[in-house]
Amino acid sequence: MGAVISGSGLFTPPESISNDELVASFNEYARRWNREHAAEISAGRAQPLAESSSEFVVKASGIRSRHVVDKRGVLDPDVMRPQIRRRSNEEPALLCEISLAAARQALEQAKREPGDIDGVLVACSNLERAYPAVAVEVQHHLGTGGYAFDLNVACASAAFGVQVAADAVARGSARAVLVVNPEVCSAHLNFRDRDSHFIFGDAATALVIEAAPRDPSSPHSFEVLGTRLLTRFSNNIRNNFGFLNRCELPPRDPDDLLFVQDGRQVFKEVVPIVSALITRELGELGIEVSAVKRFWLHQANLSMNELILKRVLGRAADESAAPIVLDEYANTSSAGSVIAFHKHHEGFAKGDLGVLCAFGAGYSAGIAVLRKL
């Protein structure tokens, strides 16, 4: 046995925003903007902002709500971003705080103590600083030993973290590794962009990966049979925020420092990449696609997941085979596939198979094939 996932954890922010609430805020902003720029619109020098609707959001994404760290700031048409209290350097940072909540739950499921962990990986899209590593901060406050480092491969970060952790455990360089995915995606989202203002939500997840679980019969214990990672460069999903921005001449438009994507191209190009990755890895492991009980996919877009699975399975998949959590959580970047796993991994019999797959900007994609112990 090389590596086992023995516990998972989830932190969900207590505040949630429905599509109706989000759309009402955006439409108020759009009406104000159109009034303020009426002369330019009338003269043909500007295009009026189109309003959004809850029906459009559901049709475009399958999303119906999202959890956020600050609801009031997001919904205020004068602000339209989360307002987060600045913390001193002596306080746990926000990403550290939500990581700890998810990590402690994962440790409890695995029946492990922090001292059993030799490595901590914070694998996510949106790190709040360059250094010191958030992972080292989590290690400090959690009380684990060994090492810790941050890892950023956008929405695929969870799968990359699983492979790094599984490799470390299988080689014997760590007894157990904690992989944490803290995402405050609302902070990098442009809530004034009709095409993307509804996409993201906030959450944090965690997995304990170890050589031998304390309780092999636990409903949470899954052997990692195989992993595979893939990257291919694309600008179709991009975030230009970084420390060099302050030095750039001319300075960038503030909107260019937030999440930007060409959704149609992403859909067109990512679906074949991910479906081929899943099919190829299962084939190399000698596993028939029909033998997989459940797929825990990245939670970005309902239609995208449906098409990926139709290509893999040759038919439409029902929700029991491919659980969806984005209707409640929206796209939580690296945390999405782990949320699906955390909430929908029980009820497996010994030997049942599942696939955890994460994908996103880069392009980047990763898969972990799991077997219930």
Protein backbone atom coordinates (compact mmCIF):
# COMPACT_ATOMS: atom_id res chain seq x y z
CA MET A 1 0.00 0.00 0.00
CA GLY A 2 1.55 3.29 -1.07
CA ALA A 3 -0.68 6.08 0.29
CA VAL A 4 -4.13 6.42 1.80
CA ILE A 5 -6.53 9.32 2.23
CA SER A 6 -7.75 8.77 5.78
CA GLY A 7 -9.64 11.97 6.57
CA SER A 8 -11.13 15.09 5.02
CA GLY A 9 -12.31 18.42 6.39
CA LEU A 10 -14.38 21.37 5.22
CA PHE A 11 -14.72 24.95 6.41
CA THR A 12 -17.81 26.75 5.10
CA PRO A 13 -18.17 30.50 5.74
CA PRO A 14 -21.42 31.16 7.61
CA GLU A 15 -22.66 33.83 5.18
CA SER A 16 -24.29 32.87 1.88
CA ILE A 17 -25.45 34.93 -1.09
CA SER A 18 -28.29 33.75 -3.32
CA ASN A 19 -28.42 34.45 -7.04
CA ASP A 20 -31.31 36.84 -6.48
CA GLU A 21 -29.31 38.87 -3.96
CA LEU A 22 -26.21 38.98 -6.14
CA VAL A 23 -28.14 39.91 -9.27
CA ALA A 24 -30.02 42.69 -7.45
CA SER A 25 -26.70 44.22 -6.40
CA PHE A 26 -25.21 43.96 -9.89
CA ASN A 27 -28.30 45.39 -11.58
CA GLU A 28 -28.34 48.37 -9.22
CA TYR A 29 -24.70 49.02 -10.09
CA ALA A 30 -25.46 48.69 -13.83
CA ARG A 31 -28.39 51.14 -13.61
CA ARG A 32 -26.24 53.68 -11.75
CA TRP A 33 -23.41 53.33 -14.26
CA ASN A 34 -25.78 53.78 -17.19
CA ARG A 35 -27.25 56.93 -15.63
CA GLU A 36 -23.81 58.40 -14.90
CA HIS A 37 -22.65 57.72 -18.47
CA ALA A 38 -25.90 58.57 -20.25
CA ALA A 39 -24.29 61.28 -22.41
CA GLU A 40 -21.51 58.97 -23.64
CA ILE A 41 -24.04 56.19 -24.29
CA SER A 42 -26.29 58.57 -26.22
CA ALA A 43 -23.34 59.79 -28.30
CA GLY A 44 -22.27 56.23 -29.09
CA ARG A 45 -18.97 56.54 -27.22
CA ALA A 46 -19.95 53.91 -24.62
CA GLN A 47 -22.14 50.83 -24.48
CA PRO A 48 -24.75 50.54 -21.75
CA LEU A 49 -24.23 47.81 -19.18
CA ALA A 50 -26.71 44.96 -19.59
CA GLU A 51 -28.48 43.72 -16.49
CA SER A 52 -28.18 40.16 -15.23
CA SER A 53 -30.78 37.66 -14.00
CA SER A 54 -30.89 34.62 -11.76
CA GLU A 55 -32.11 32.56 -14.70
CA PHE A 56 -29.05 33.57 -16.74
CA VAL A 57 -26.72 32.58 -13.90
CA VAL A 58 -28.27 29.12 -13.47
CA LYS A 59 -28.31 28.47 -17.21
CA ALA A 60 -24.70 29.60 -17.64
CA SER A 61 -23.26 27.73 -14.66
CA GLY A 62 -25.68 25.70 -12.56
CA ILE A 63 -24.82 27.93 -9.58
CA ARG A 64 -27.64 29.02 -7.26
CA SER A 65 -25.74 30.45 -4.28
CA ARG A 66 -22.26 30.87 -2.82
CA HIS A 67 -20.69 31.15 0.64
CA VAL A 68 -18.49 34.21 1.24
CA VAL A 69 -16.33 35.61 4.02
CA ASP A 70 -18.13 38.97 3.80
CA LYS A 71 -21.62 39.33 2.38
CA ARG A 72 -22.27 42.98 3.11
CA GLY A 73 -19.32 44.33 1.13
CA VAL A 74 -20.04 42.13 -1.87
CA LEU A 75 -23.68 43.20 -2.08
CA ASP A 76 -23.09 46.94 -1.52
CA PRO A 77 -23.22 48.56 -5.02
CA ASP A 78 -20.72 51.17 -3.80
CA VAL A 79 -18.20 48.51 -2.71
CA MET A 80 -18.82 45.16 -4.50
CA ARG A 81 -15.97 43.29 -2.87
CA PRO A 82 -15.51 41.56 0.49
CA GLN A 83 -14.34 43.90 3.24
CA ILE A 84 -11.81 42.04 5.36
CA ARG A 85 -10.38 43.35 8.62
CA ARG A 86 -6.66 43.96 8.34
CA ARG A 87 -4.84 41.73 10.81
CA SER A 88 -1.58 42.34 12.57
CA ASN A 89 1.43 40.18 11.75
CA GLU A 90 1.01 38.52 15.15
CA GLU A 91 -2.50 37.25 14.34
CA PRO A 92 -3.24 34.17 12.23
CA ALA A 93 -3.89 35.32 8.67
CA LEU A 94 -7.33 34.69 7.16
CA LEU A 95 -6.15 31.80 4.97
CA CYS A 96 -4.40 30.27 7.97
CA GLU A 97 -7.53 30.58 10.10
CA ILE A 98 -9.83 28.80 7.63
CA SER A 99 -7.12 26.22 6.90
CA LEU A 100 -6.93 25.34 10.59
CA ALA A 101 -10.69 24.78 10.77
CA ALA A 102 -10.65 22.35 7.83
CA ALA A 103 -7.41 20.69 8.96
CA ARG A 104 -8.65 19.92 12.47
CA GLN A 105 -11.75 18.26 11.06
CA ALA A 106 -9.63 16.14 8.69
CA LEU A 107 -7.36 15.09 11.57
CA GLU A 108 -10.38 14.11 13.63
CA GLN A 109 -11.72 11.92 10.81
CA ALA A 110 -8.30 10.30 10.42
CA LYS A 111 -8.01 9.81 14.19
CA ARG A 112 -4.66 11.55 14.11
CA GLU A 113 -2.97 14.22 16.22
CA PRO A 114 -0.98 17.14 14.80
CA GLY A 115 2.22 15.42 15.97
CA ASP A 116 1.51 12.57 13.54
CA ILE A 117 1.85 14.94 10.56
CA ASP A 118 5.28 15.38 8.95
CA GLY A 119 4.29 17.73 6.13
CA VAL A 120 1.75 20.49 5.48
CA LEU A 121 0.91 21.65 1.95
CA VAL A 122 -1.28 24.68 1.35
CA ALA A 123 -2.40 24.09 -2.23
CA CYS A 124 -4.66 26.81 -3.61
CA SER A 125 -5.22 29.47 -6.27
CA ASN A 126 -5.27 32.61 -4.18
CA LEU A 127 -2.41 33.07 -1.70
CA GLU A 128 -2.67 36.25 0.33
CA ARG A 129 1.09 36.84 0.42
CA ALA A 130 4.35 35.60 -1.02
CA TYR A 131 6.08 34.81 2.28
CA PRO A 132 6.28 33.55 4.90
CA ALA A 133 4.42 30.59 3.41
CA VAL A 134 0.85 30.22 4.62
CA ALA A 135 1.61 26.50 5.03
CA VAL A 136 4.38 27.26 7.52
CA GLU A 137 1.95 29.46 9.45
CA VAL A 138 -0.60 26.63 9.49
CA GLN A 139 2.13 24.24 10.63
CA HIS A 140 3.01 26.62 13.47
CA HIS A 141 -0.52 27.12 14.77
CA LEU A 142 -1.52 23.49 14.30
CA GLY A 143 1.60 22.18 16.00
CA THR A 144 2.82 19.73 13.37
CA GLY A 145 6.45 18.82 12.77
CA GLY A 146 8.51 18.32 9.64
CA TYR A 147 8.10 20.77 6.78
CA ALA A 148 5.49 22.95 5.10
CA PHE A 149 5.22 24.85 1.83
CA ASP A 150 2.70 26.54 -0.47
CA LEU A 151 1.74 25.18 -3.86
CA ASN A 152 -0.23 27.09 -6.52
CA VAL A 153 -1.58 25.44 -9.65
CA ALA A 154 -4.89 27.34 -9.77
CA CYS A 155 -8.03 25.21 -9.52
CA ALA A 156 -6.03 22.01 -10.03
CA SER A 157 -3.96 22.66 -6.89
CA ALA A 158 -5.79 20.03 -4.84
CA ALA A 159 -4.88 17.23 -7.26
CA PHE A 160 -1.28 18.42 -7.45
CA GLY A 161 -1.15 18.49 -3.65
CA VAL A 162 -2.51 14.95 -3.44
CA GLN A 163 0.19 13.64 -5.78
CA VAL A 164 2.98 15.46 -3.94
CA ALA A 165 1.71 14.14 -0.61
CA ALA A 166 1.14 10.59 -1.88
CA ASP A 167 4.63 10.50 -3.39
CA ALA A 168 6.19 11.67 -0.12
CA VAL A 169 4.33 9.03 1.89
CA ALA A 170 5.05 6.24 -0.60
CA ARG A 171 8.79 7.07 -0.59
CA GLY A 172 8.86 7.14 3.19
CA SER A 173 9.97 10.76 3.50
CA ALA A 174 6.81 11.50 5.53
CA ARG A 175 4.52 9.38 7.67
CA ALA A 176 1.54 11.60 6.94
CA VAL A 177 0.95 14.81 5.00
CA LEU A 178 -1.84 17.34 5.40
CA VAL A 179 -3.04 18.96 2.17
CA VAL A 180 -5.12 22.11 2.74
CA ASN A 181 -7.01 24.15 0.13
CA PRO A 182 -8.07 27.55 1.54
CA GLU A 183 -9.85 29.70 -1.05
CA VAL A 184 -11.18 33.23 -0.60
CA CYS A 185 -12.12 33.51 -4.26
CA SER A 186 -14.50 36.41 -3.66
CA ALA A 187 -11.47 38.66 -3.17
CA HIS A 188 -10.19 38.18 -6.73
CA LEU A 189 -13.57 38.27 -8.46
CA ASN A 190 -14.83 41.32 -10.38
CA PHE A 191 -18.39 41.64 -9.11
CA ARG A 192 -18.96 44.41 -11.70
CA ASP A 193 -18.47 42.00 -14.62
CA ARG A 194 -21.79 40.53 -15.75
CA ASP A 195 -20.17 37.49 -17.36
CA SER A 196 -18.29 36.35 -14.25
CA HIS A 197 -19.67 38.10 -11.14
CA PHE A 198 -21.55 34.96 -10.08
CA ILE A 199 -18.82 32.35 -10.54
CA PHE A 200 -16.90 32.07 -7.26
CA GLY A 201 -17.45 31.35 -3.58
CA ASP A 202 -15.23 30.87 -0.52
CA ALA A 203 -14.34 27.70 1.39
CA ALA A 204 -11.43 25.65 2.72
CA THR A 205 -10.84 21.90 2.55
CA ALA A 206 -8.23 19.49 3.91
CA LEU A 207 -7.08 15.91 3.36
CA VAL A 208 -4.88 13.68 5.52
CA ILE A 209 -2.70 11.40 3.36
CA GLU A 210 -0.66 8.72 5.12
CA ALA A 211 1.05 5.40 4.62
CA ALA A 212 -1.26 3.36 6.83
CA PRO A 213 -4.55 4.58 8.34
CA ARG A 214 -5.17 4.14 12.03
CA ASP A 215 -8.55 2.56 11.20
CA PRO A 216 -8.57 0.82 7.79
CA SER A 217 -12.27 -0.01 8.18
CA SER A 218 -13.17 3.67 8.59
CA PRO A 219 -15.65 4.99 5.98
CA HIS A 220 -13.09 7.71 5.29
CA SER A 221 -10.14 5.49 4.26
CA PHE A 222 -9.30 5.34 0.55
CA GLU A 223 -6.13 3.94 -1.03
CA VAL A 224 -4.53 6.13 -3.70
CA LEU A 225 -4.13 3.72 -6.61
CA GLY A 226 -2.63 6.23 -9.03
CA THR A 227 -2.25 9.90 -9.85
CA ARG A 228 -1.52 11.86 -13.01
CA LEU A 229 -0.84 15.57 -13.58
CA LEU A 230 -0.93 17.65 -16.76
CA THR A 231 -0.31 21.29 -17.70
CA ARG A 232 -0.65 23.26 -20.93
CA PHE A 233 -0.15 27.01 -21.21
CA SER A 234 -3.18 29.20 -21.94
CA ASN A 235 -4.18 32.81 -21.28
CA ASN A 236 -7.88 32.00 -21.37
CA ILE A 237 -8.01 32.11 -17.56
CA ARG A 238 -5.70 34.69 -16.06
CA ASN A 239 -5.07 36.83 -12.99
CA ASN A 240 -2.37 39.50 -13.42
CA PHE A 241 -2.13 40.55 -9.77
CA GLY A 242 1.38 40.42 -8.36
CA PHE A 243 4.20 42.31 -6.68
CA LEU A 244 5.53 43.68 -9.98
CA ASN A 245 2.29 45.63 -10.59
CA ARG A 246 3.52 48.57 -8.53
CA CYS A 247 6.49 48.93 -10.88
CA GLU A 248 4.68 48.67 -14.22
CA LEU A 249 4.49 51.66 -16.56
CA PRO A 250 1.87 52.49 -17.54
CA PRO A 251 -0.05 51.03 -14.58
CA ARG A 252 -2.69 48.43 -15.33
CA ASP A 253 -6.41 48.99 -15.20
CA PRO A 254 -7.58 47.68 -11.78
CA ASP A 255 -9.93 45.22 -13.50
CA ASP A 256 -6.88 43.56 -15.11
CA LEU A 257 -5.69 42.59 -11.62
CA LEU A 258 -8.75 40.43 -11.01
CA PHE A 259 -10.04 37.14 -12.43
CA VAL A 260 -10.50 37.25 -16.21
CA GLN A 261 -11.51 34.42 -18.52
CA ASP A 262 -12.74 33.60 -21.99
CA GLY A 263 -15.35 31.15 -20.82
CA ARG A 264 -16.29 29.77 -24.22
CA GLN A 265 -12.70 28.94 -25.13
CA VAL A 266 -12.08 27.42 -21.70
CA PHE A 267 -15.09 25.17 -22.12
CA LYS A 268 -14.04 24.15 -25.64
CA GLU A 269 -10.43 23.39 -24.76
CA VAL A 270 -10.58 22.02 -21.20
CA VAL A 271 -13.30 19.39 -21.73
CA PRO A 272 -11.22 17.22 -24.11
CA ILE A 273 -8.08 17.66 -21.99
CA VAL A 274 -9.77 16.44 -18.81
CA SER A 275 -11.81 13.66 -20.36
CA ALA A 276 -8.70 12.28 -22.08
CA LEU A 277 -6.71 12.50 -18.83
CA ILE A 278 -9.31 10.49 -16.91
CA THR A 279 -9.65 7.87 -19.63
CA ARG A 280 -5.89 7.48 -20.06
CA GLU A 281 -5.12 7.10 -16.36
CA LEU A 282 -7.87 4.55 -15.81
CA GLY A 283 -6.62 2.62 -18.85
CA GLU A 284 -3.04 2.59 -17.58
CA LEU A 285 -4.28 1.23 -14.25
CA GLY A 286 -6.28 -1.46 -16.04
CA ILE A 287 -9.58 -0.13 -14.73
CA GLU A 288 -12.74 -0.14 -16.83
CA VAL A 289 -14.55 3.18 -16.75
CA SER A 290 -17.75 1.33 -15.87
CA ALA A 291 -16.09 0.09 -12.66
CA VAL A 292 -15.83 3.61 -11.20
CA LYS A 293 -18.59 4.23 -8.69
CA ARG A 294 -18.17 7.99 -8.31
CA PHE A 295 -16.39 10.96 -9.88
CA TRP A 296 -15.55 13.91 -7.64
CA LEU A 297 -14.89 16.62 -10.20
CA HIS A 298 -13.80 20.24 -9.95
CA GLN A 299 -16.91 22.33 -9.37
CA ALA A 300 -16.69 25.09 -11.98
CA ASN A 301 -19.58 24.64 -14.35
CA LEU A 302 -22.39 22.10 -14.46
CA SER A 303 -22.49 21.77 -18.25
CA MET A 304 -18.72 21.29 -18.39
CA ASN A 305 -18.82 18.45 -15.86
CA GLU A 306 -21.74 16.82 -17.64
CA LEU A 307 -19.91 16.88 -20.98
CA ILE A 308 -16.64 15.58 -19.49
CA LEU A 309 -18.45 12.60 -17.99
CA LYS A 310 -20.46 11.96 -21.15
CA ARG A 311 -17.18 11.70 -23.04
CA VAL A 312 -15.64 9.44 -20.40
CA LEU A 313 -18.65 7.19 -19.79
CA GLY A 314 -20.26 7.33 -23.23
CA ARG A 315 -23.50 8.36 -21.56
CA ALA A 316 -24.95 10.93 -19.21
CA ALA A 317 -24.05 10.48 -15.54
CA ASP A 318 -26.58 10.86 -12.74
CA GLU A 319 -25.81 12.87 -9.61
CA SER A 320 -24.98 9.78 -7.55
CA ALA A 321 -22.11 9.05 -9.93
CA ALA A 322 -20.98 12.68 -10.15
CA PRO A 323 -22.19 14.72 -7.15
CA ILE A 324 -22.59 18.46 -7.63
CA VAL A 325 -21.94 20.98 -4.87
CA LEU A 326 -21.48 24.12 -6.98
CA ASP A 327 -25.20 24.87 -6.77
CA GLU A 328 -24.60 25.75 -3.09
CA TYR A 329 -20.89 26.64 -3.04
CA ALA A 330 -20.29 27.96 -6.60
CA ASN A 331 -16.74 27.57 -7.90
CA THR A 332 -14.41 27.35 -4.91
CA SER A 333 -11.35 26.77 -7.09
CA SER A 334 -9.01 24.14 -5.61
CA ALA A 335 -11.47 23.28 -2.83
CA GLY A 336 -14.32 22.25 -5.14
CA SER A 337 -13.44 18.64 -5.94
CA VAL A 338 -12.50 18.02 -2.30
CA ILE A 339 -15.84 19.45 -1.11
CA ALA A 340 -17.56 16.97 -3.43
CA PHE A 341 -15.42 14.16 -1.99
CA HIS A 342 -15.89 15.26 1.62
CA LYS A 343 -19.68 15.43 1.36
CA HIS A 344 -20.18 12.39 -0.88
CA HIS A 345 -17.65 9.64 -0.06
CA GLU A 346 -19.56 7.55 2.42
CA GLY A 347 -21.57 4.48 1.48
CA PHE A 348 -18.63 2.87 -0.36
CA ALA A 349 -18.06 -0.87 0.05
CA LYS A 350 -14.56 -2.33 0.28
CA GLY A 351 -12.97 -2.25 -3.17
CA ASP A 352 -15.28 0.41 -4.63
CA LEU A 353 -13.50 2.87 -6.90
CA GLY A 354 -13.69 6.64 -7.20
CA VAL A 355 -11.92 9.37 -9.18
CA LEU A 356 -11.01 12.79 -7.79
CA CYS A 357 -10.23 15.21 -10.62
CA ALA A 358 -9.36 18.92 -10.48
CA PHE A 359 -8.67 21.26 -13.41
CA GLY A 360 -8.46 24.92 -14.28
CA ALA A 361 -6.17 27.79 -15.23
CA GLY A 362 -2.80 27.05 -16.66
CA TYR A 363 -4.31 24.98 -18.18
CA SER A 364 -3.72 22.49 -15.38
CA ALA A 365 -5.39 19.20 -14.52
CA GLY A 366 -4.84 16.33 -12.14
CA ILE A 367 -6.47 13.05 -11.22
CA ALA A 368 -6.30 10.66 -8.26
CA VAL A 369 -7.84 7.20 -8.58
CA LEU A 370 -9.05 5.95 -5.19
CA ARG A 371 -10.13 2.54 -3.85
CA LYS A 372 -12.11 2.07 -0.66
CA LEU A 373 -10.21 0.04 1.92
